[in-house]
Amino acid sequence: SVALLTVYDMCKAIDKNMVLENIRLIEKQKED
């Protein structure tokens, strides 16, 4: 989330229509 927010922050001066989306957990594992 913060990586994407940083992209937004760094580019907002040239693109006011950026959209962050579909942030989700795709994998989780635990192993003894």
Full PDB file with SEQRES, HELIX, SHEET, SSBOND, CRYST1, ORIGX, SCALE, CONECT and MASTER records, all heavy atoms in Angstrom:
SEQRES   1 A   32  SER VAL ALA LEU LEU THR VAL TYR ASP MET CYS LYS ALA          
SEQRES   2 A   32  ILE ASP LYS ASN MET VAL LEU GLU ASN ILE ARG LEU ILE          
SEQRES   3 A   32  GLU LYS GLN LYS GLU ASP                                      
HELIX    1 AA1 VAL A    2  CYS A   11  1                                  10    
CRYST1    1.000    1.000    1.000  90.00  90.00  90.00 P 1           1          
ORIGX1      1.000000  0.000000  0.000000        0.00000                         
ORIGX2      0.000000  1.000000  0.000000        0.00000                         
ORIGX3      0.000000  0.000000  1.000000        0.00000                         
SCALE1      1.000000  0.000000  0.000000        0.00000                         
SCALE2      0.000000  1.000000  0.000000        0.00000                         
SCALE3      0.000000  0.000000  1.000000        0.00000                         
ATOM      1  N   SER A   1       0.824  -1.213   0.000  1.00  0.00           N  
ATOM      2  CA  SER A   1       0.000   0.000   0.000  1.00  0.00           C  
ATOM      3  C   SER A   1       0.855   1.259   0.000  1.00  0.00           C  
ATOM      4  O   SER A   1       0.618   2.185  -0.781  1.00  0.00           O  
ATOM      5  CB  SER A   1      -0.937   0.009   1.216  1.00  0.00           C  
ATOM      6  OG  SER A   1      -1.841  -1.063   1.167  1.00  0.00           O  
ATOM      7  N   VAL A   2       1.851   1.291   0.859  1.00  0.00           N  
ATOM      8  CA  VAL A   2       2.700   2.479   0.946  1.00  0.00           C  
ATOM      9  C   VAL A   2       3.595   2.617  -0.289  1.00  0.00           C  
ATOM     10  O   VAL A   2       3.849   3.732  -0.757  1.00  0.00           O  
ATOM     11  CB  VAL A   2       3.507   2.492   2.259  1.00  0.00           C  
ATOM     12  CG1 VAL A   2       4.559   3.594   2.264  1.00  0.00           C  
ATOM     13  CG2 VAL A   2       2.552   2.662   3.443  1.00  0.00           C  
ATOM     14  N   ALA A   3       4.036   1.506  -0.852  1.00  0.00           N  
ATOM     15  CA  ALA A   3       4.802   1.588  -2.104  1.00  0.00           C  
ATOM     16  C   ALA A   3       3.953   2.258  -3.189  1.00  0.00           C  
ATOM     17  O   ALA A   3       4.425   3.160  -3.894  1.00  0.00           O  
ATOM     18  CB  ALA A   3       5.253   0.198  -2.540  1.00  0.00           C  
ATOM     19  N   LEU A   4       2.695   1.840  -3.307  1.00  0.00           N  
ATOM     20  CA  LEU A   4       1.809   2.436  -4.316  1.00  0.00           C  
ATOM     21  C   LEU A   4       1.477   3.892  -3.993  1.00  0.00           C  
ATOM     22  O   LEU A   4       1.417   4.734  -4.897  1.00  0.00           O  
ATOM     23  CB  LEU A   4       0.530   1.612  -4.445  1.00  0.00           C  
ATOM     24  CG  LEU A   4       0.716   0.218  -5.053  1.00  0.00           C  
ATOM     25  CD1 LEU A   4      -0.547  -0.602  -4.887  1.00  0.00           C  
ATOM     26  CD2 LEU A   4       1.138   0.314  -6.507  1.00  0.00           C  
ATOM     27  N   LEU A   5       1.265   4.192  -2.731  1.00  0.00           N  
ATOM     28  CA  LEU A   5       1.019   5.585  -2.341  1.00  0.00           C  
ATOM     29  C   LEU A   5       2.215   6.471  -2.670  1.00  0.00           C  
ATOM     30  O   LEU A   5       2.057   7.640  -3.047  1.00  0.00           O  
ATOM     31  CB  LEU A   5       0.706   5.676  -0.843  1.00  0.00           C  
ATOM     32  CG  LEU A   5      -0.675   5.200  -0.432  1.00  0.00           C  
ATOM     33  CD1 LEU A   5      -0.749   5.047   1.084  1.00  0.00           C  
ATOM     34  CD2 LEU A   5      -1.751   6.149  -0.936  1.00  0.00           C  
ATOM     35  N   THR A   6       3.407   5.924  -2.561  1.00  0.00           N  
ATOM     36  CA  THR A   6       4.614   6.680  -2.897  1.00  0.00           C  
ATOM     37  C   THR A   6       4.682   6.967  -4.390  1.00  0.00           C  
ATOM     38  O   THR A   6       5.047   8.076  -4.802  1.00  0.00           O  
ATOM     39  CB  THR A   6       5.866   5.933  -2.403  1.00  0.00           C  
ATOM     40  OG1 THR A   6       5.745   5.762  -0.985  1.00  0.00           O  
ATOM     41  CG2 THR A   6       7.138   6.699  -2.727  1.00  0.00           C  
ATOM     42  N   VAL A   7       4.323   5.978  -5.200  1.00  0.00           N  
ATOM     43  CA  VAL A   7       4.253   6.220  -6.648  1.00  0.00           C  
ATOM     44  C   VAL A   7       3.266   7.352  -6.918  1.00  0.00           C  
ATOM     45  O   VAL A   7       3.560   8.287  -7.672  1.00  0.00           O  
ATOM     46  CB  VAL A   7       3.843   4.937  -7.419  1.00  0.00           C  
ATOM     47  CG1 VAL A   7       3.589   5.250  -8.893  1.00  0.00           C  
ATOM     48  CG2 VAL A   7       4.912   3.857  -7.261  1.00  0.00           C  
ATOM     49  N   TYR A   8       2.106   7.274  -6.285  1.00  0.00           N  
ATOM     50  CA  TYR A   8       1.088   8.323  -6.450  1.00  0.00           C  
ATOM     51  C   TYR A   8       1.658   9.689  -6.068  1.00  0.00           C  
ATOM     52  O   TYR A   8       1.540  10.655  -6.825  1.00  0.00           O  
ATOM     53  CB  TYR A   8      -0.134   7.991  -5.578  1.00  0.00           C  
ATOM     54  CG  TYR A   8      -1.288   8.930  -5.791  1.00  0.00           C  
ATOM     55  CD1 TYR A   8      -2.328   8.582  -6.634  1.00  0.00           C  
ATOM     56  CD2 TYR A   8      -1.344  10.166  -5.153  1.00  0.00           C  
ATOM     57  CE1 TYR A   8      -3.394   9.442  -6.838  1.00  0.00           C  
ATOM     58  CE2 TYR A   8      -2.395  11.031  -5.355  1.00  0.00           C  
ATOM     59  CZ  TYR A   8      -3.421  10.666  -6.198  1.00  0.00           C  
ATOM     60  OH  TYR A   8      -4.471  11.520  -6.407  1.00  0.00           O  
ATOM     61  N   ASP A   9       2.280   9.766  -4.906  1.00  0.00           N  
ATOM     62  CA  ASP A   9       2.830  11.042  -4.428  1.00  0.00           C  
ATOM     63  C   ASP A   9       3.868  11.614  -5.382  1.00  0.00           C  
ATOM     64  O   ASP A   9       3.883  12.815  -5.650  1.00  0.00           O  
ATOM     65  CB  ASP A   9       3.444  10.856  -3.040  1.00  0.00           C  
ATOM     66  CG  ASP A   9       4.028  12.149  -2.503  1.00  0.00           C  
ATOM     67  OD1 ASP A   9       3.274  13.144  -2.391  1.00  0.00           O  
ATOM     68  OD2 ASP A   9       5.234  12.173  -2.205  1.00  0.00           O  
ATOM     69  N   MET A  10       4.714  10.766  -5.897  1.00  0.00           N  
ATOM     70  CA  MET A  10       5.794  11.245  -6.755  1.00  0.00           C  
ATOM     71  C   MET A  10       5.312  11.668  -8.138  1.00  0.00           C  
ATOM     72  O   MET A  10       5.986  12.424  -8.824  1.00  0.00           O  
ATOM     73  CB  MET A  10       6.886  10.188  -6.856  1.00  0.00           C  
ATOM     74  CG  MET A  10       7.595   9.981  -5.517  1.00  0.00           C  
ATOM     75  SD  MET A  10       8.993   8.887  -5.635  1.00  0.00           S  
ATOM     76  CE  MET A  10      10.185   9.954  -6.477  1.00  0.00           C  
ATOM     77  N   CYS A  11       4.138  11.173  -8.552  1.00  0.00           N  
ATOM     78  CA  CYS A  11       3.644  11.447  -9.908  1.00  0.00           C  
ATOM     79  C   CYS A  11       2.411  12.342  -9.952  1.00  0.00           C  
ATOM     80  O   CYS A  11       1.939  12.693 -11.032  1.00  0.00           O  
ATOM     81  CB  CYS A  11       3.332  10.127 -10.614  1.00  0.00           C  
ATOM     82  SG  CYS A  11       4.758   9.047 -10.796  1.00  0.00           S  
ATOM     83  N   LYS A  12       1.884  12.721  -8.813  1.00  0.00           N  
ATOM     84  CA  LYS A  12       0.612  13.456  -8.787  1.00  0.00           C  
ATOM     85  C   LYS A  12       0.674  14.803  -9.497  1.00  0.00           C  
ATOM     86  O   LYS A  12      -0.342  15.293  -9.969  1.00  0.00           O  
ATOM     87  CB  LYS A  12       0.109  13.616  -7.357  1.00  0.00           C  
ATOM     88  CG  LYS A  12       0.961  14.515  -6.496  1.00  0.00           C  
ATOM     89  CD  LYS A  12       0.469  14.528  -5.062  1.00  0.00           C  
ATOM     90  CE  LYS A  12       1.351  15.464  -4.274  1.00  0.00           C  
ATOM     91  NZ  LYS A  12       1.712  14.950  -2.987  1.00  0.00           N  
ATOM     92  N   ALA A  13       1.841  15.386  -9.607  1.00  0.00           N  
ATOM     93  CA  ALA A  13       1.967  16.676 -10.292  1.00  0.00           C  
ATOM     94  C   ALA A  13       1.681  16.549 -11.788  1.00  0.00           C  
ATOM     95  O   ALA A  13       1.240  17.523 -12.410  1.00  0.00           O  
ATOM     96  CB  ALA A  13       3.361  17.268 -10.072  1.00  0.00           C  
ATOM     97  N   ILE A  14       1.912  15.376 -12.364  1.00  0.00           N  
ATOM     98  CA  ILE A  14       1.677  15.216 -13.808  1.00  0.00           C  
ATOM     99  C   ILE A  14       0.449  14.377 -14.134  1.00  0.00           C  
ATOM    100  O   ILE A  14       0.046  14.310 -15.292  1.00  0.00           O  
ATOM    101  CB  ILE A  14       2.919  14.644 -14.536  1.00  0.00           C  
ATOM    102  CG1 ILE A  14       3.258  13.238 -14.035  1.00  0.00           C  
ATOM    103  CG2 ILE A  14       4.109  15.582 -14.403  1.00  0.00           C  
ATOM    104  CD1 ILE A  14       4.273  12.520 -14.892  1.00  0.00           C  
ATOM    105  N   ASP A  15      -0.131  13.713 -13.111  1.00  0.00           N  
ATOM    106  CA  ASP A  15      -1.288  12.849 -13.368  1.00  0.00           C  
ATOM    107  C   ASP A  15      -2.234  12.897 -12.175  1.00  0.00           C  
ATOM    108  O   ASP A  15      -1.969  12.290 -11.138  1.00  0.00           O  
ATOM    109  CB  ASP A  15      -0.814  11.416 -13.628  1.00  0.00           C  
ATOM    110  CG  ASP A  15      -1.915  10.508 -14.151  1.00  0.00           C  
ATOM    111  OD1 ASP A  15      -3.097  10.859 -14.039  1.00  0.00           O  
ATOM    112  OD2 ASP A  15      -1.564   9.417 -14.651  1.00  0.00           O  
ATOM    113  N   LYS A  16      -3.310  13.620 -12.337  1.00  0.00           N  
ATOM    114  CA  LYS A  16      -4.299  13.774 -11.258  1.00  0.00           C  
ATOM    115  C   LYS A  16      -5.329  12.643 -11.246  1.00  0.00           C  
ATOM    116  O   LYS A  16      -6.181  12.602 -10.365  1.00  0.00           O  
ATOM    117  CB  LYS A  16      -5.045  15.108 -11.402  1.00  0.00           C  
ATOM    118  CG  LYS A  16      -4.161  16.318 -11.532  1.00  0.00           C  
ATOM    119  CD  LYS A  16      -3.683  16.789 -10.184  1.00  0.00           C  
ATOM    120  CE  LYS A  16      -3.011  18.137 -10.305  1.00  0.00           C  
ATOM    121  NZ  LYS A  16      -1.644  18.150  -9.901  1.00  0.00           N  
ATOM    122  N   ASN A  17      -5.258  11.728 -12.200  1.00  0.00           N  
ATOM    123  CA  ASN A  17      -6.281  10.688 -12.335  1.00  0.00           C  
ATOM    124  C   ASN A  17      -5.793   9.284 -12.003  1.00  0.00           C  
ATOM    125  O   ASN A  17      -6.452   8.309 -12.352  1.00  0.00           O  
ATOM    126  CB  ASN A  17      -6.858  10.718 -13.753  1.00  0.00           C  
ATOM    127  CG  ASN A  17      -7.573  12.015 -14.027  1.00  0.00           C  
ATOM    128  OD1 ASN A  17      -8.397  12.449 -13.227  1.00  0.00           O  
ATOM    129  ND2 ASN A  17      -7.234  12.652 -15.134  1.00  0.00           N  
ATOM    130  N   MET A  18      -4.662   9.173 -11.332  1.00  0.00           N  
ATOM    131  CA  MET A  18      -4.171   7.848 -10.954  1.00  0.00           C  
ATOM    132  C   MET A  18      -5.134   7.199  -9.961  1.00  0.00           C  
ATOM    133  O   MET A  18      -5.776   7.894  -9.169  1.00  0.00           O  
ATOM    134  CB  MET A  18      -2.779   7.947 -10.338  1.00  0.00           C  
ATOM    135  CG  MET A  18      -1.701   8.350 -11.316  1.00  0.00           C  
ATOM    136  SD  MET A  18      -0.097   8.505 -10.499  1.00  0.00           S  
ATOM    137  CE  MET A  18      -0.356   9.986  -9.511  1.00  0.00           C  
ATOM    138  N   VAL A  19      -5.207   5.874 -10.012  1.00  0.00           N  
ATOM    139  CA  VAL A  19      -6.107   5.134  -9.126  1.00  0.00           C  
ATOM    140  C   VAL A  19      -5.357   3.944  -8.547  1.00  0.00           C  
ATOM    141  O   VAL A  19      -4.778   3.152  -9.291  1.00  0.00           O  
ATOM    142  CB  VAL A  19      -7.352   4.631  -9.897  1.00  0.00           C  
ATOM    143  CG1 VAL A  19      -8.238   3.773  -9.001  1.00  0.00           C  
ATOM    144  CG2 VAL A  19      -8.129   5.793 -10.481  1.00  0.00           C  
ATOM    145  N   LEU A  20      -5.384   3.823  -7.219  1.00  0.00           N  
ATOM    146  CA  LEU A  20      -4.871   2.634  -6.555  1.00  0.00           C  
ATOM    147  C   LEU A  20      -6.019   1.645  -6.466  1.00  0.00           C  
ATOM    148  O   LEU A  20      -7.144   2.032  -6.131  1.00  0.00           O  
ATOM    149  CB  LEU A  20      -4.394   2.959  -5.145  1.00  0.00           C  
ATOM    150  CG  LEU A  20      -2.993   3.538  -4.992  1.00  0.00           C  
ATOM    151  CD1 LEU A  20      -2.881   4.894  -5.615  1.00  0.00           C  
ATOM    152  CD2 LEU A  20      -2.601   3.562  -3.547  1.00  0.00           C  
ATOM    153  N   GLU A  21      -5.730   0.376  -6.771  1.00  0.00           N  
ATOM    154  CA  GLU A  21      -6.808  -0.607  -6.748  1.00  0.00           C  
ATOM    155  C   GLU A  21      -6.301  -2.015  -6.509  1.00  0.00           C  
ATOM    156  O   GLU A  21      -5.111  -2.285  -6.640  1.00  0.00           O  
ATOM    157  CB  GLU A  21      -7.610  -0.559  -8.049  1.00  0.00           C  
ATOM    158  CG  GLU A  21      -6.803  -0.802  -9.294  1.00  0.00           C  
ATOM    159  CD  GLU A  21      -7.588  -0.519 -10.569  1.00  0.00           C  
ATOM    160  OE1 GLU A  21      -8.676   0.066 -10.490  1.00  0.00           O  
ATOM    161  OE2 GLU A  21      -7.100  -0.884 -11.628  1.00  0.00           O  
ATOM    162  N   ASN A  22      -7.250  -2.854  -6.138  1.00  0.00           N  
ATOM    163  CA  ASN A  22      -7.043  -4.287  -6.013  1.00  0.00           C  
ATOM    164  C   ASN A  22      -5.872  -4.651  -5.103  1.00  0.00           C  
ATOM    165  O   ASN A  22      -5.111  -5.577  -5.388  1.00  0.00           O  
ATOM    166  CB  ASN A  22      -6.875  -4.913  -7.402  1.00  0.00           C  
ATOM    167  CG  ASN A  22      -7.308  -6.365  -7.410  1.00  0.00           C  
ATOM    168  OD1 ASN A  22      -8.031  -6.814  -6.536  1.00  0.00           O  
ATOM    169  ND2 ASN A  22      -6.841  -7.103  -8.397  1.00  0.00           N  
ATOM    170  N   ILE A  23      -5.730  -3.928  -4.000  1.00  0.00           N  
ATOM    171  CA  ILE A  23      -4.714  -4.272  -3.005  1.00  0.00           C  
ATOM    172  C   ILE A  23      -5.254  -5.462  -2.224  1.00  0.00           C  
ATOM    173  O   ILE A  23      -6.343  -5.402  -1.657  1.00  0.00           O  
ATOM    174  CB  ILE A  23      -4.413  -3.082  -2.082  1.00  0.00           C  
ATOM    175  CG1 ILE A  23      -3.801  -1.936  -2.909  1.00  0.00           C  
ATOM    176  CG2 ILE A  23      -3.492  -3.501  -0.936  1.00  0.00           C  
ATOM    177  CD1 ILE A  23      -3.715  -0.625  -2.181  1.00  0.00           C  
ATOM    178  N   ARG A  24      -4.483  -6.553  -2.236  1.00  0.00           N  
ATOM    179  CA  ARG A  24      -4.999  -7.766  -1.599  1.00  0.00           C  
ATOM    180  C   ARG A  24      -3.884  -8.728  -1.247  1.00  0.00           C  
ATOM    181  O   ARG A  24      -2.796  -8.695  -1.837  1.00  0.00           O  
ATOM    182  CB  ARG A  24      -6.003  -8.465  -2.508  1.00  0.00           C  
ATOM    183  CG  ARG A  24      -5.410  -8.931  -3.821  1.00  0.00           C  
ATOM    184  CD  ARG A  24      -6.497  -9.352  -4.805  1.00  0.00           C  
ATOM    185  NE  ARG A  24      -5.903  -9.815  -6.025  1.00  0.00           N  
ATOM    186  CZ  ARG A  24      -5.913 -11.081  -6.430  1.00  0.00           C  
ATOM    187  NH1 ARG A  24      -6.512 -11.993  -5.719  1.00  0.00           N  
ATOM    188  NH2 ARG A  24      -5.342 -11.429  -7.562  1.00  0.00           N  
ATOM    189  N   LEU A  25      -4.191  -9.584  -0.294  1.00  0.00           N  
ATOM    190  CA  LEU A  25      -3.295 -10.656   0.088  1.00  0.00           C  
ATOM    191  C   LEU A  25      -3.468 -11.790  -0.919  1.00  0.00           C  
ATOM    192  O   LEU A  25      -4.592 -12.212  -1.183  1.00  0.00           O  
ATOM    193  CB  LEU A  25      -3.637 -11.148   1.497  1.00  0.00           C  
ATOM    194  CG  LEU A  25      -2.716 -12.203   2.076  1.00  0.00           C  
ATOM    195  CD1 LEU A  25      -1.347 -11.603   2.382  1.00  0.00           C  
ATOM    196  CD2 LEU A  25      -3.327 -12.795   3.329  1.00  0.00           C  
ATOM    197  N   ILE A  26      -2.380 -12.259  -1.507  1.00  0.00           N  
ATOM    198  CA  ILE A  26      -2.500 -13.349  -2.482  1.00  0.00           C  
ATOM    199  C   ILE A  26      -1.895 -14.658  -1.990  1.00  0.00           C  
ATOM    200  O   ILE A  26      -2.147 -15.710  -2.572  1.00  0.00           O  
ATOM    201  CB  ILE A  26      -1.909 -12.976  -3.859  1.00  0.00           C  
ATOM    202  CG1 ILE A  26      -0.420 -12.691  -3.769  1.00  0.00           C  
ATOM    203  CG2 ILE A  26      -2.665 -11.806  -4.464  1.00  0.00           C  
ATOM    204  CD1 ILE A  26       0.271 -12.691  -5.120  1.00  0.00           C  
ATOM    205  N   GLU A  27      -1.107 -14.580  -0.918  1.00  0.00           N  
ATOM    206  CA  GLU A  27      -0.480 -15.802  -0.424  1.00  0.00           C  
ATOM    207  C   GLU A  27      -0.098 -15.624   1.034  1.00  0.00           C  
ATOM    208  O   GLU A  27       0.353 -14.560   1.431  1.00  0.00           O  
ATOM    209  CB  GLU A  27       0.784 -16.086  -1.249  1.00  0.00           C  
ATOM    210  CG  GLU A  27       1.597 -17.268  -0.826  1.00  0.00           C  
ATOM    211  CD  GLU A  27       2.883 -17.406  -1.634  1.00  0.00           C  
ATOM    212  OE1 GLU A  27       2.926 -16.958  -2.789  1.00  0.00           O  
ATOM    213  OE2 GLU A  27       3.844 -17.955  -1.080  1.00  0.00           O  
ATOM    214  N   LYS A  28      -0.298 -16.667   1.810  1.00  0.00           N  
ATOM    215  CA  LYS A  28       0.255 -16.700   3.166  1.00  0.00           C  
ATOM    216  C   LYS A  28       0.600 -18.137   3.481  1.00  0.00           C  
ATOM    217  O   LYS A  28      -0.124 -19.068   3.111  1.00  0.00           O  
ATOM    218  CB  LYS A  28      -0.676 -16.068   4.183  1.00  0.00           C  
ATOM    219  CG  LYS A  28      -1.786 -16.909   4.704  1.00  0.00           C  
ATOM    220  CD  LYS A  28      -2.538 -16.150   5.785  1.00  0.00           C  
ATOM    221  CE  LYS A  28      -3.368 -17.102   6.608  1.00  0.00           C  
ATOM    222  NZ  LYS A  28      -4.015 -16.431   7.714  1.00  0.00           N  
ATOM    223  N   GLN A  29       1.742 -18.302   4.124  1.00  0.00           N  
ATOM    224  CA  GLN A  29       2.220 -19.639   4.455  1.00  0.00           C  
ATOM    225  C   GLN A  29       2.786 -19.638   5.859  1.00  0.00           C  
ATOM    226  O   GLN A  29       3.310 -18.632   6.329  1.00  0.00           O  
ATOM    227  CB  GLN A  29       3.335 -20.075   3.500  1.00  0.00           C  
ATOM    228  CG  GLN A  29       2.923 -20.177   2.060  1.00  0.00           C  
ATOM    229  CD  GLN A  29       4.114 -20.518   1.160  1.00  0.00           C  
ATOM    230  OE1 GLN A  29       5.263 -20.467   1.567  1.00  0.00           O  
ATOM    231  NE2 GLN A  29       3.819 -20.877  -0.075  1.00  0.00           N  
ATOM    232  N   LYS A  30       2.663 -20.781   6.496  1.00  0.00           N  
ATOM    233  CA  LYS A  30       3.359 -21.001   7.760  1.00  0.00           C  
ATOM    234  C   LYS A  30       3.894 -22.420   7.749  1.00  0.00           C  
ATOM    235  O   LYS A  30       3.264 -23.337   7.210  1.00  0.00           O  
ATOM    236  CB  LYS A  30       2.474 -20.729   8.958  1.00  0.00           C  
ATOM    237  CG  LYS A  30       1.245 -21.596   9.072  1.00  0.00           C  
ATOM    238  CD  LYS A  30       0.428 -21.164  10.269  1.00  0.00           C  
ATOM    239  CE  LYS A  30      -0.880 -21.927  10.336  1.00  0.00           C  
ATOM    240  NZ  LYS A  30      -1.664 -21.523  11.487  1.00  0.00           N  
ATOM    241  N   GLU A  31       5.073 -22.570   8.285  1.00  0.00           N  
ATOM    242  CA  GLU A  31       5.753 -23.872   8.251  1.00  0.00           C  
ATOM    243  C   GLU A  31       6.461 -24.089   9.584  1.00  0.00           C  
ATOM    244  O   GLU A  31       7.156 -23.185  10.067  1.00  0.00           O  
ATOM    245  CB  GLU A  31       6.756 -23.862   7.087  1.00  0.00           C  
ATOM    246  CG  GLU A  31       7.491 -25.137   6.870  1.00  0.00           C  
ATOM    247  CD  GLU A  31       8.440 -25.010   5.681  1.00  0.00           C  
ATOM    248  OE1 GLU A  31       8.077 -24.371   4.690  1.00  0.00           O  
ATOM    249  OE2 GLU A  31       9.555 -25.562   5.767  1.00  0.00           O  
ATOM    250  N   ASP A  32       6.293 -25.260  10.131  1.00  0.00           N  
ATOM    251  CA  ASP A  32       6.962 -25.583  11.389  1.00  0.00           C  
ATOM    252  C   ASP A  32       8.475 -25.572  11.194  1.00  0.00           C  
ATOM    253  O   ASP A  32       8.984 -25.981  10.135  1.00  0.00           O  
ATOM    254  CB  ASP A  32       6.528 -26.956  11.916  1.00  0.00           C  
ATOM    255  CG  ASP A  32       5.096 -26.946  12.409  1.00  0.00           C  
ATOM    256  OD1 ASP A  32       4.628 -25.876  12.875  1.00  0.00           O  
ATOM    257  OD2 ASP A  32       4.440 -27.998  12.349  1.00  0.00           O  
TER     258      ASP A  32                                                      
MASTER        0    0    0    1    0    0    0    6  257    1    0    3          
END                                                                             
